[in-house]
N, C-alpha and C. Protein backbone atom coordinates (compact mmCIF):
# COMPACT_ATOMS: atom_id res chain seq x y z
N MET A 1 4.83 -12.81 10.61
CA MET A 1 3.90 -11.69 10.46
C MET A 1 4.08 -11.10 9.07
N HIS A 2 2.98 -10.76 8.45
CA HIS A 2 3.01 -10.17 7.12
C HIS A 2 3.54 -8.74 7.16
N GLU A 3 4.23 -8.38 6.10
CA GLU A 3 4.72 -7.01 5.95
C GLU A 3 4.05 -6.37 4.75
N VAL A 4 3.48 -5.21 4.98
CA VAL A 4 2.76 -4.48 3.94
C VAL A 4 3.49 -3.17 3.68
N VAL A 5 3.60 -2.82 2.40
CA VAL A 5 4.20 -1.54 2.02
C VAL A 5 3.18 -0.77 1.20
N LEU A 6 3.00 0.48 1.57
CA LEU A 6 2.14 1.39 0.82
C LEU A 6 3.06 2.38 0.11
N TYR A 7 3.08 2.33 -1.20
CA TYR A 7 3.84 3.29 -2.00
C TYR A 7 2.92 4.47 -2.26
N SER A 8 3.42 5.66 -1.92
CA SER A 8 2.55 6.84 -1.98
C SER A 8 3.36 8.08 -2.34
N SER A 9 2.66 9.19 -2.30
CA SER A 9 3.27 10.50 -2.57
C SER A 9 2.60 11.53 -1.67
N PRO A 10 3.35 12.49 -1.15
CA PRO A 10 2.74 13.52 -0.30
C PRO A 10 1.65 14.28 -1.06
N GLY A 11 0.55 14.52 -0.37
CA GLY A 11 -0.55 15.26 -0.96
C GLY A 11 -1.49 14.44 -1.82
N CYS A 12 -1.25 13.16 -1.91
CA CYS A 12 -2.09 12.27 -2.73
C CYS A 12 -3.28 11.82 -1.88
N HIS A 13 -4.48 12.30 -2.24
CA HIS A 13 -5.65 11.96 -1.41
C HIS A 13 -6.00 10.48 -1.49
N LEU A 14 -5.75 9.84 -2.63
CA LEU A 14 -6.00 8.40 -2.72
C LEU A 14 -5.05 7.62 -1.82
N CYS A 15 -3.82 8.13 -1.68
CA CYS A 15 -2.84 7.49 -0.80
C CYS A 15 -3.28 7.62 0.66
N GLU A 16 -3.81 8.77 1.02
CA GLU A 16 -4.31 8.97 2.37
C GLU A 16 -5.47 8.02 2.66
N GLN A 17 -6.34 7.82 1.68
CA GLN A 17 -7.44 6.88 1.85
C GLN A 17 -6.93 5.45 2.01
N ALA A 18 -5.89 5.10 1.25
CA ALA A 18 -5.31 3.76 1.35
C ALA A 18 -4.70 3.55 2.73
N ALA A 19 -4.02 4.57 3.25
CA ALA A 19 -3.42 4.49 4.59
C ALA A 19 -4.51 4.30 5.64
N ASP A 20 -5.60 5.03 5.50
CA ASP A 20 -6.73 4.87 6.43
C ASP A 20 -7.29 3.45 6.37
N ALA A 21 -7.40 2.92 5.16
CA ALA A 21 -7.93 1.56 4.99
C ALA A 21 -7.00 0.54 5.63
N LEU A 22 -5.69 0.74 5.50
CA LEU A 22 -4.74 -0.17 6.13
C LEU A 22 -4.82 -0.10 7.65
N ARG A 23 -4.96 1.11 8.18
CA ARG A 23 -5.10 1.25 9.64
C ARG A 23 -6.35 0.52 10.13
N SER A 24 -7.44 0.64 9.40
CA SER A 24 -8.69 -0.06 9.78
C SER A 24 -8.51 -1.57 9.70
N LEU A 25 -7.88 -2.02 8.64
CA LEU A 25 -7.67 -3.45 8.45
C LEU A 25 -6.75 -4.01 9.54
N GLN A 26 -5.80 -3.22 9.97
CA GLN A 26 -4.83 -3.65 10.98
C GLN A 26 -5.49 -3.90 12.34
N ARG A 27 -6.61 -3.28 12.59
CA ARG A 27 -7.30 -3.50 13.86
C ARG A 27 -7.75 -4.94 14.02
N GLY A 28 -8.04 -5.61 12.91
CA GLY A 28 -8.53 -6.98 12.97
C GLY A 28 -7.52 -8.04 12.59
N ARG A 29 -6.36 -7.63 12.08
CA ARG A 29 -5.35 -8.58 11.63
C ARG A 29 -3.97 -8.09 12.02
N PRO A 30 -3.13 -9.00 12.47
CA PRO A 30 -1.76 -8.58 12.80
C PRO A 30 -0.89 -8.50 11.55
N PHE A 31 -0.37 -7.32 11.27
CA PHE A 31 0.62 -7.12 10.23
C PHE A 31 1.31 -5.80 10.48
N THR A 32 2.50 -5.68 9.94
CA THR A 32 3.20 -4.41 10.03
C THR A 32 3.14 -3.74 8.67
N TRP A 33 3.15 -2.43 8.68
CA TRP A 33 3.17 -1.75 7.40
C TRP A 33 3.98 -0.47 7.48
N THR A 34 4.52 -0.13 6.32
CA THR A 34 5.29 1.09 6.19
C THR A 34 4.80 1.82 4.95
N GLU A 35 4.97 3.11 4.99
CA GLU A 35 4.60 3.94 3.85
C GLU A 35 5.90 4.47 3.24
N VAL A 36 6.03 4.32 1.93
CA VAL A 36 7.23 4.74 1.22
C VAL A 36 6.85 5.81 0.20
N ASP A 37 7.51 6.95 0.32
CA ASP A 37 7.32 8.04 -0.63
C ASP A 37 8.07 7.69 -1.91
N ILE A 38 7.35 7.54 -3.01
CA ILE A 38 7.99 7.14 -4.27
C ILE A 38 9.01 8.16 -4.75
N HIS A 39 8.91 9.40 -4.28
CA HIS A 39 9.85 10.43 -4.71
C HIS A 39 11.21 10.29 -4.02
N SER A 40 11.30 9.34 -3.07
CA SER A 40 12.57 9.12 -2.37
C SER A 40 13.53 8.26 -3.20
N ASP A 41 13.03 7.67 -4.28
CA ASP A 41 13.84 6.78 -5.10
C ASP A 41 13.44 6.96 -6.56
N PRO A 42 14.36 7.34 -7.43
CA PRO A 42 14.02 7.57 -8.84
C PRO A 42 13.38 6.36 -9.51
N ASP A 43 13.82 5.15 -9.14
CA ASP A 43 13.23 3.96 -9.75
C ASP A 43 11.78 3.77 -9.32
N LEU A 44 11.50 3.99 -8.03
CA LEU A 44 10.11 3.89 -7.56
C LEU A 44 9.25 4.95 -8.23
N GLU A 45 9.78 6.15 -8.34
CA GLU A 45 9.03 7.24 -8.97
C GLU A 45 8.69 6.89 -10.41
N LYS A 46 9.66 6.36 -11.12
CA LYS A 46 9.45 5.98 -12.52
C LYS A 46 8.41 4.85 -12.64
N ARG A 47 8.51 3.88 -11.73
CA ARG A 47 7.63 2.71 -11.79
C ARG A 47 6.20 3.01 -11.38
N TYR A 48 6.02 3.84 -10.32
CA TYR A 48 4.70 3.98 -9.71
C TYR A 48 4.05 5.35 -9.83
N LEU A 49 4.68 6.31 -10.48
CA LEU A 49 4.16 7.67 -10.51
C LEU A 49 2.69 7.75 -10.92
N LEU A 50 2.31 7.00 -11.94
CA LEU A 50 0.93 7.07 -12.44
C LEU A 50 0.04 5.99 -11.84
N GLU A 51 0.56 5.19 -10.92
CA GLU A 51 -0.20 4.07 -10.38
C GLU A 51 -0.50 4.19 -8.89
N ILE A 52 0.06 5.19 -8.20
CA ILE A 52 -0.12 5.27 -6.75
C ILE A 52 -1.56 5.59 -6.39
N PRO A 53 -1.98 5.10 -5.25
CA PRO A 53 -1.25 4.28 -4.29
C PRO A 53 -1.11 2.85 -4.78
N VAL A 54 -0.03 2.22 -4.32
CA VAL A 54 0.25 0.81 -4.61
C VAL A 54 0.49 0.13 -3.27
N ILE A 55 -0.14 -1.04 -3.10
CA ILE A 55 0.05 -1.80 -1.86
C ILE A 55 0.66 -3.15 -2.20
N GLU A 56 1.71 -3.44 -1.46
CA GLU A 56 2.46 -4.68 -1.62
C GLU A 56 2.35 -5.46 -0.31
N VAL A 57 2.12 -6.76 -0.42
CA VAL A 57 2.09 -7.63 0.76
C VAL A 57 3.19 -8.67 0.59
N ASP A 58 4.10 -8.69 1.54
CA ASP A 58 5.22 -9.64 1.52
C ASP A 58 5.96 -9.62 0.18
N GLY A 59 6.18 -8.41 -0.34
CA GLY A 59 6.96 -8.24 -1.56
C GLY A 59 6.20 -8.41 -2.86
N ILE A 60 4.90 -8.63 -2.79
CA ILE A 60 4.09 -8.82 -4.00
C ILE A 60 3.04 -7.73 -4.08
N VAL A 61 2.99 -7.02 -5.21
CA VAL A 61 1.98 -6.00 -5.41
C VAL A 61 0.62 -6.68 -5.52
N VAL A 62 -0.31 -6.27 -4.64
CA VAL A 62 -1.64 -6.89 -4.66
C VAL A 62 -2.72 -5.95 -5.17
N THR A 63 -2.49 -4.65 -5.11
CA THR A 63 -3.47 -3.71 -5.63
C THR A 63 -2.82 -2.35 -5.84
N GLN A 64 -3.40 -1.61 -6.76
CA GLN A 64 -2.97 -0.24 -7.03
C GLN A 64 -4.21 0.57 -7.33
N ALA A 65 -4.03 1.87 -7.52
CA ALA A 65 -5.19 2.75 -7.71
C ALA A 65 -6.08 2.24 -8.83
N PRO A 66 -7.36 2.14 -8.58
CA PRO A 66 -8.04 2.34 -7.30
C PRO A 66 -7.83 1.13 -6.39
N ILE A 67 -7.54 1.40 -5.13
CA ILE A 67 -7.23 0.36 -4.16
C ILE A 67 -8.44 -0.54 -3.91
N GLU A 68 -8.18 -1.85 -3.96
CA GLU A 68 -9.20 -2.84 -3.63
C GLU A 68 -8.75 -3.51 -2.33
N ILE A 69 -9.22 -2.99 -1.21
CA ILE A 69 -8.76 -3.45 0.10
C ILE A 69 -9.06 -4.92 0.32
N ASN A 70 -10.06 -5.48 -0.34
CA ASN A 70 -10.35 -6.92 -0.20
C ASN A 70 -9.21 -7.76 -0.75
N LYS A 71 -8.47 -7.26 -1.74
CA LYS A 71 -7.30 -8.00 -2.25
C LYS A 71 -6.20 -8.03 -1.19
N VAL A 72 -6.07 -6.95 -0.45
CA VAL A 72 -5.08 -6.91 0.64
C VAL A 72 -5.52 -7.88 1.74
N ARG A 73 -6.79 -7.82 2.09
CA ARG A 73 -7.34 -8.72 3.12
C ARG A 73 -7.08 -10.19 2.74
N PHE A 74 -7.34 -10.53 1.49
CA PHE A 74 -7.13 -11.90 1.03
C PHE A 74 -5.66 -12.28 1.10
N ALA A 75 -4.77 -11.38 0.68
CA ALA A 75 -3.32 -11.66 0.72
C ALA A 75 -2.84 -11.89 2.14
N LEU A 76 -3.46 -11.24 3.09
CA LEU A 76 -3.06 -11.38 4.49
C LEU A 76 -3.55 -12.70 5.10
N LEU A 77 -4.47 -13.37 4.46
CA LEU A 77 -4.98 -14.65 4.96
C LEU A 77 -4.03 -15.80 4.67
N SER A 78 -3.19 -15.64 3.67
CA SER A 78 -2.30 -16.76 3.29
C SER A 78 -1.03 -16.76 4.09
């Protein structure tokens, strides 16, 4: 099963939209996903502060702001 990670920040409206898109996508495809607050790790904060939301599938970043959910959908097909 694919594992998806959404890197986000509290109060980020684009991150909330990305989470909603993942929930919708999950209805049609089996995958697990977790949301990680970039402020929980200084390295993540440094790397993604200006790029959130960022979505990773199986350890590979597939899209960042603005989120292209079709790239996530495609990554989940492989």
